[in-house]
Protein backbone atom coordinates (compact mmCIF):
# COMPACT_ATOMS: atom_id res chain seq x y z
CA MET A 1 -28.49 -62.86 -36.41
CA GLU A 2 -28.96 -59.37 -37.75
CA ASN A 3 -25.75 -57.40 -37.88
CA ARG A 4 -24.51 -53.99 -38.83
CA LEU A 5 -21.16 -52.61 -39.83
CA GLU A 6 -20.42 -48.94 -39.41
CA LEU A 7 -17.31 -47.33 -40.88
CA MET A 8 -16.71 -44.40 -38.58
CA ASP A 9 -14.15 -42.55 -40.69
CA LYS A 10 -16.34 -42.36 -43.80
CA GLY A 11 -19.61 -41.88 -41.96
CA THR A 12 -21.25 -44.61 -44.05
CA GLU A 13 -23.26 -47.61 -42.97
CA ARG A 14 -23.65 -51.04 -44.51
CA ARG A 15 -26.31 -53.52 -43.55
CA PHE A 16 -26.23 -57.29 -43.75
CA SER A 17 -29.35 -59.46 -43.94
CA GLU A 18 -28.02 -63.00 -44.18
CA ALA A 19 -29.85 -65.91 -42.58
CA PRO A 20 -29.15 -66.29 -38.86
CA LEU A 21 -25.75 -67.76 -38.17
CA SER A 22 -25.59 -71.06 -36.31
CA SER A 23 -23.23 -72.12 -33.56
CA GLU A 24 -23.60 -75.76 -34.57
CA ASP A 25 -20.93 -75.40 -37.26
CA PRO A 26 -17.49 -75.20 -35.58
CA CYS A 27 -16.31 -72.87 -38.36
CA GLY A 28 -14.57 -75.82 -39.99
CA ASP A 29 -11.27 -75.21 -38.21
CA PRO A 30 -9.50 -76.05 -34.93
CA ILE A 31 -9.68 -72.49 -33.61
CA GLY A 32 -13.46 -72.34 -34.08
CA TYR A 33 -13.92 -75.75 -32.47
CA GLN A 34 -11.73 -74.78 -29.53
CA LEU A 35 -13.77 -71.61 -29.12
CA ILE A 36 -16.98 -73.64 -28.90
CA LEU A 37 -15.49 -75.83 -26.18
CA GLU A 38 -14.28 -72.90 -24.13
CA LEU A 39 -17.52 -70.92 -24.47
CA GLN A 40 -19.45 -73.91 -23.13
CA SER A 41 -17.39 -73.87 -19.93
CA THR A 42 -19.02 -70.84 -18.26
CA LEU A 43 -22.30 -68.98 -17.73
CA ASN A 44 -20.51 -65.80 -16.72
CA ILE A 45 -21.08 -63.12 -19.38
CA GLU A 46 -17.86 -61.26 -18.59
CA LYS A 47 -15.81 -64.47 -18.85
CA LEU A 48 -17.56 -65.48 -22.10
CA LEU A 49 -16.69 -62.18 -23.73
CA GLU A 50 -13.11 -62.37 -22.47
CA ILE A 51 -12.74 -65.84 -24.04
CA PHE A 52 -14.28 -64.65 -27.29
CA PHE A 53 -12.08 -61.57 -27.62
CA HIS A 54 -8.97 -63.60 -26.85
CA HIS A 55 -9.76 -65.97 -29.73
CA LEU A 56 -10.79 -63.18 -32.08
CA LYS A 57 -7.50 -61.31 -31.60
CA ARG A 58 -5.55 -64.44 -32.51
CA GLU A 59 -7.05 -64.23 -35.99
CA ILE A 60 -8.03 -60.61 -36.55
CA PRO A 61 -6.10 -57.70 -35.00
CA CYS A 62 -8.47 -55.58 -32.87
CA GLN A 63 -7.81 -52.84 -30.33
CA SER A 64 -11.04 -53.24 -28.37
CA GLN A 65 -14.27 -55.11 -27.85
CA HIS A 66 -17.33 -53.37 -26.40
CA TYR A 67 -20.52 -55.18 -25.35
CA ILE A 68 -23.69 -53.38 -24.25
CA SER A 69 -26.91 -54.89 -22.88
CA GLU A 70 -29.46 -52.33 -21.78
CA SER A 71 -31.79 -54.97 -20.36
CA LEU A 72 -29.05 -56.22 -18.02
CA ASP A 73 -27.51 -52.78 -17.48
CA LEU A 74 -24.14 -54.04 -18.75
CA ASP A 75 -21.47 -51.95 -20.45
CA LEU A 76 -18.34 -54.08 -20.81
CA ARG A 77 -15.27 -52.83 -22.63
CA GLU A 78 -11.87 -54.43 -23.13
CA GLY A 79 -9.10 -52.45 -24.79
CA ALA A 80 -9.00 -48.90 -26.19
CA ARG A 81 -11.31 -47.46 -28.84
CA ALA A 82 -9.91 -46.77 -32.30
CA ARG A 83 -11.06 -45.04 -35.48
CA HIS A 84 -12.78 -47.94 -37.29
CA ARG A 85 -15.67 -49.89 -35.83
CA ALA A 86 -17.60 -53.02 -36.74
CA GLU A 87 -20.89 -53.17 -34.83
CA TYR A 88 -23.37 -56.03 -34.56
CA GLN A 89 -26.82 -56.39 -33.02
CA LEU A 90 -26.92 -59.90 -31.58
CA LEU A 91 -30.30 -61.51 -32.23
CA ILE A 92 -31.33 -65.14 -31.95
CA GLY A 93 -34.88 -66.39 -32.29
CA GLY A 94 -36.13 -62.81 -32.14
CA GLU A 95 -34.38 -62.24 -28.80
CA HIS A 96 -31.99 -59.31 -28.58
CA LEU A 97 -28.87 -60.28 -26.66
CA GLY A 98 -27.13 -56.93 -26.89
CA THR A 99 -24.76 -54.97 -29.08
CA ILE A 100 -21.12 -55.85 -29.66
CA ARG A 101 -18.51 -53.57 -31.25
CA PHE A 102 -14.94 -54.10 -32.36
CA HIS A 103 -12.51 -51.21 -32.85
CA ARG A 104 -9.17 -50.94 -34.61
CA ARG A 105 -6.95 -48.35 -36.28
CA HIS A 106 -7.45 -49.46 -39.90
CA PRO A 107 -10.51 -50.69 -41.83
CA PHE A 108 -11.74 -54.27 -41.60
CA THR A 109 -11.55 -56.22 -44.85
CA GLU A 110 -14.50 -58.14 -46.27
CA LYS A 111 -12.75 -61.40 -45.43
CA GLU A 112 -12.17 -60.29 -41.83
CA LEU A 113 -15.79 -59.23 -41.45
CA ALA A 114 -16.98 -62.58 -42.74
CA ARG A 115 -14.75 -64.30 -40.17
CA ILE A 116 -15.99 -62.09 -37.34
CA GLU A 117 -19.57 -62.95 -38.31
CA ALA A 118 -18.79 -66.68 -38.38
CA LEU A 119 -17.24 -66.49 -34.90
CA LEU A 120 -20.19 -64.46 -33.62
CA GLY A 121 -22.39 -67.29 -34.84
CA VAL A 122 -20.48 -69.50 -32.40
CA LEU A 123 -20.92 -66.98 -29.58
CA VAL A 124 -24.68 -66.37 -29.71
CA LEU A 125 -25.99 -69.62 -28.15
CA PRO A 126 -23.58 -69.63 -25.17
CA LEU A 127 -24.26 -65.91 -24.76
CA ARG A 128 -28.02 -66.51 -24.73
CA ASN A 129 -27.57 -69.14 -22.01
CA ALA A 130 -25.44 -66.72 -20.00
CA VAL A 131 -27.96 -63.89 -20.48
CA HIS A 132 -30.81 -66.14 -19.27
CA TYR A 133 -28.74 -67.17 -16.26
CA ARG A 134 -27.98 -63.52 -15.44
CA GLN A 135 -31.66 -62.66 -15.81
CA ALA A 136 -32.60 -65.42 -13.35
CA LEU A 137 -30.06 -64.13 -10.84
CA ARG A 138 -31.29 -60.59 -11.39
CA ALA A 139 -34.91 -61.62 -10.77
CA ALA A 140 -33.88 -63.04 -7.39
CA SER A 141 -31.96 -59.92 -6.38
CA HIS A 142 -33.95 -57.06 -7.97
CA ASP A 143 -37.31 -55.45 -7.28
CA PRO A 144 -39.52 -55.86 -10.39
CA LEU A 145 -41.37 -52.55 -9.91
CA THR A 146 -38.38 -50.21 -9.64
CA GLY A 147 -35.59 -52.29 -11.16
CA LEU A 148 -33.47 -51.59 -8.07
CA LYS A 149 -31.71 -54.23 -6.03
CA ASN A 150 -33.92 -55.63 -3.26
CA ARG A 151 -33.52 -56.19 0.48
CA ARG A 152 -31.81 -59.54 0.03
CA ALA A 153 -29.20 -57.99 -2.26
CA PHE A 154 -28.79 -55.08 0.16
CA GLU A 155 -27.95 -57.39 3.05
CA ASP A 156 -25.32 -59.19 0.96
CA ASP A 157 -23.81 -55.96 -0.39
CA LEU A 158 -23.80 -54.32 3.04
CA GLU A 159 -21.59 -57.03 4.53
CA ARG A 160 -19.27 -56.87 1.53
CA GLU A 161 -18.96 -53.07 1.71
CA ILE A 162 -18.32 -53.13 5.46
CA SER A 163 -15.49 -55.62 4.92
CA ARG A 164 -14.07 -53.48 2.11
CA ALA A 165 -14.31 -50.26 4.13
CA ARG A 166 -12.38 -51.81 7.01
CA ARG A 167 -9.82 -53.46 4.74
CA GLU A 168 -9.14 -50.22 2.84
CA GLN A 169 -9.64 -48.01 5.92
CA GLN A 170 -12.34 -45.94 4.24
CA ARG A 171 -15.59 -44.45 5.47
CA LEU A 172 -18.92 -46.05 4.60
CA GLY A 173 -22.22 -44.19 4.70
CA LEU A 174 -25.75 -45.54 4.72
CA MET A 175 -28.91 -43.57 3.95
CA VAL A 176 -32.45 -44.64 4.74
CA ILE A 177 -35.01 -42.78 2.61
CA ASP A 178 -38.75 -42.78 3.24
CA VAL A 179 -41.39 -41.38 0.85
CA ASP A 180 -43.54 -38.88 2.76
CA ARG A 181 -47.33 -39.40 2.93
CA PHE A 182 -47.10 -42.57 0.87
CA LYS A 183 -49.98 -44.31 2.69
CA GLN A 184 -52.12 -41.27 1.95
CA ILE A 185 -51.30 -41.56 -1.76
CA ASN A 186 -52.31 -45.24 -1.76
CA ASP A 187 -55.51 -44.64 0.20
CA GLN A 188 -56.73 -41.53 -1.59
CA ILE A 189 -55.53 -42.00 -5.18
CA GLY A 190 -54.87 -45.73 -5.44
CA HIS A 191 -52.15 -48.33 -5.32
CA LEU A 192 -51.32 -47.95 -9.02
CA ALA A 193 -50.58 -44.30 -8.34
CA GLY A 194 -48.41 -45.37 -5.43
CA ASP A 195 -46.52 -47.76 -7.70
CA GLN A 196 -45.90 -44.95 -10.18
CA VAL A 197 -44.56 -42.72 -7.43
CA LEU A 198 -42.17 -45.45 -6.24
CA ALA A 199 -40.90 -46.08 -9.78
CA GLU A 200 -40.28 -42.37 -10.40
CA VAL A 201 -38.60 -41.89 -7.02
CA ALA A 202 -36.33 -44.86 -7.78
CA ARG A 203 -35.29 -43.36 -11.12
CA ALA A 204 -34.60 -39.98 -9.51
CA LEU A 205 -32.49 -41.54 -6.76
CA LYS A 206 -30.48 -43.66 -9.18
CA SER A 207 -29.77 -40.71 -11.47
CA SER A 208 -28.64 -38.51 -8.56
CA VAL A 209 -26.01 -40.66 -6.86
CA ARG A 210 -22.35 -41.21 -7.65
CA ARG A 211 -21.31 -44.13 -9.81
CA SER A 212 -19.88 -45.93 -6.77
CA ASP A 213 -23.09 -45.55 -4.72
CA MET A 214 -25.69 -48.33 -4.54
CA VAL A 215 -29.47 -47.83 -4.41
CA PHE A 216 -31.90 -50.44 -3.06
CA ARG A 217 -35.63 -50.72 -2.51
CA TYR A 218 -35.68 -52.01 1.03
CA ALA A 219 -39.40 -52.45 1.69
CA GLY A 220 -42.64 -50.65 0.82
CA ASP A 221 -41.84 -46.97 0.41
CA GLU A 222 -38.40 -47.23 2.00
CA PHE A 223 -35.15 -47.05 0.03
CA VAL A 224 -31.56 -47.54 1.16
CA LEU A 225 -28.33 -46.12 -0.26
CA LEU A 226 -24.85 -47.50 0.41
CA LEU A 227 -22.21 -44.79 0.06
CA PRO A 228 -18.61 -46.02 -0.08
CA ASN A 229 -15.78 -43.64 0.79
CA ILE A 230 -17.89 -40.57 1.55
CA ASP A 231 -17.14 -37.68 3.92
CA ASP A 232 -19.49 -35.34 5.79
CA THR A 233 -19.41 -32.75 3.00
CA GLY A 234 -20.25 -35.44 0.46
CA VAL A 235 -23.18 -36.59 2.59
CA ARG A 236 -24.57 -33.06 2.86
CA ILE A 237 -24.20 -32.42 -0.88
CA LEU A 238 -25.87 -35.73 -1.74
CA GLU A 239 -28.78 -35.12 0.65
CA GLU A 240 -29.39 -31.72 -0.96
CA ARG A 241 -29.18 -33.21 -4.44
CA LEU A 242 -31.64 -35.98 -3.57
CA HIS A 243 -34.17 -33.58 -2.05
CA ALA A 244 -33.92 -31.34 -5.12
CA ALA A 245 -34.33 -34.27 -7.54
CA ILE A 246 -37.45 -35.53 -5.78
CA ALA A 247 -38.93 -32.03 -5.47
CA ALA A 248 -38.48 -31.63 -9.23
CA LEU A 249 -40.54 -34.74 -9.98
CA ARG A 250 -43.77 -34.14 -11.83
CA CYS A 251 -45.70 -37.30 -11.01
CA VAL A 252 -48.99 -37.22 -12.92
CA TYR A 253 -51.58 -39.96 -12.44
CA GLY A 254 -54.77 -39.52 -14.43
CA ASP A 255 -55.77 -35.90 -13.97
CA GLN A 256 -53.88 -35.50 -10.69
CA THR A 257 -50.39 -34.20 -10.08
CA ILE A 258 -48.95 -35.91 -7.02
CA PRO A 259 -46.48 -33.87 -4.93
CA VAL A 260 -43.62 -36.04 -3.73
CA SER A 261 -41.09 -35.48 -0.98
CA ILE A 262 -38.75 -37.69 1.03
CA THR A 263 -37.20 -37.87 4.47
CA ILE A 264 -33.57 -38.98 4.78
CA GLY A 265 -31.58 -40.43 7.65
CA THR A 266 -27.83 -40.95 7.31
CA ALA A 267 -25.28 -42.83 9.38
CA ILE A 268 -21.53 -43.44 9.04
CA LEU A 269 -19.99 -46.77 9.99
CA ASP A 270 -18.21 -46.63 13.34
CA GLN A 271 -15.34 -48.81 14.51
CA GLY A 272 -16.60 -52.24 15.55
CA GLU A 273 -20.12 -51.59 14.27
CA ASP A 274 -21.93 -54.30 12.29
CA GLY A 275 -24.41 -53.90 9.44
CA LYS A 276 -27.49 -54.20 11.62
CA ALA A 277 -26.31 -51.44 13.97
CA LEU A 278 -25.40 -49.18 11.05
CA PHE A 279 -28.83 -49.62 9.46
CA GLU A 280 -30.66 -49.03 12.75
CA LYS A 281 -28.68 -45.84 13.31
CA ALA A 282 -29.65 -44.47 9.89
CA ASP A 283 -33.27 -45.61 10.33
CA LEU A 284 -33.54 -43.84 13.68
CA ALA A 285 -32.05 -40.70 12.12
CA MET A 286 -34.70 -40.85 9.40
CA LEU A 287 -37.52 -41.27 11.95
CA TYR A 288 -36.14 -38.37 14.00
CA ASN A 289 -36.00 -36.13 10.93
CA LYS A 290 -39.54 -37.10 9.94
CA GLU A 291 -40.86 -36.34 13.42
CA SER A 292 -39.00 -33.02 13.50
CA HIS A 293 -40.57 -32.09 10.15
CA HIS A 294 -44.02 -32.92 11.49
CA ARG A 295 -43.41 -30.76 14.58
CA HIS A 296 -42.30 -27.84 12.43
CA GLN A 297 -45.39 -28.21 10.25
CA ALA A 298 -47.65 -28.32 13.31
CA ALA A 299 -45.96 -25.22 14.76
CA ALA A 300 -46.38 -23.34 11.46
CA VAL A 301 -50.09 -24.23 11.33
CA SER A 302 -50.66 -23.06 14.91
CA ARG A 303 -48.91 -19.73 14.20
CA THR A 304 -51.06 -19.04 11.13
CA ALA A 305 -54.19 -19.99 13.09
């Protein structure tokens, strides 16, 4: 396990290059052995880190623990940040499991750092198992091309959000988004170009929504957004932001720049409406808007002719 300690107040950095730590040694004490037993009880990453931090604080005072995994899109923090930080890159067998940081108000001693490293050696194998489990779940619920949640995940999340909206008496919006002229891109430029367009559209959508919003690749060139607790003004602002983000895309494939635009249909959950009816309402709104756009284009062409 490669690890790094950073002393934030002095702006200095120290590196450690010991041999990888092993979780086979229970640290030679009851606390370490108990930690091993508890870490083996779950494949939930959040629960693993909660168990670990609980044990760590019993030995070494810490104000916070912060775990980041870019590959799993996880950013998990417990406690409040403080001035001093010990930071470790968690590696096992060449596999990067993420970054973990510990904060507190005063510097860590060499003895404390050695103990943290020994306990991290206990954590890495259970964490790797939990990461692999999360990756397997993610593969079943995410689209590999765009990294967005897929149709199966959408259907599960839709039912959950409808239940939440009714329980908390909040509005729920749903957007259906279709990439314009996508078949033409595939036919004239190629399917790899079409894949690139979908990936860039997905990134633009994800970067344009609120933190509470959810973005899915539903099928083909169709995307769906779930919008908890949104009003009509919020819908209008988001639609404008999405159109602007897509219009700003510069999608270059080979020597061709591909213009990209989208059509959006939005619906708000009505009393007594189920998920299927809500989706169909948004889908019909999208089709209506697409047809209206085509009519306007046709009218403009006939006027110029």
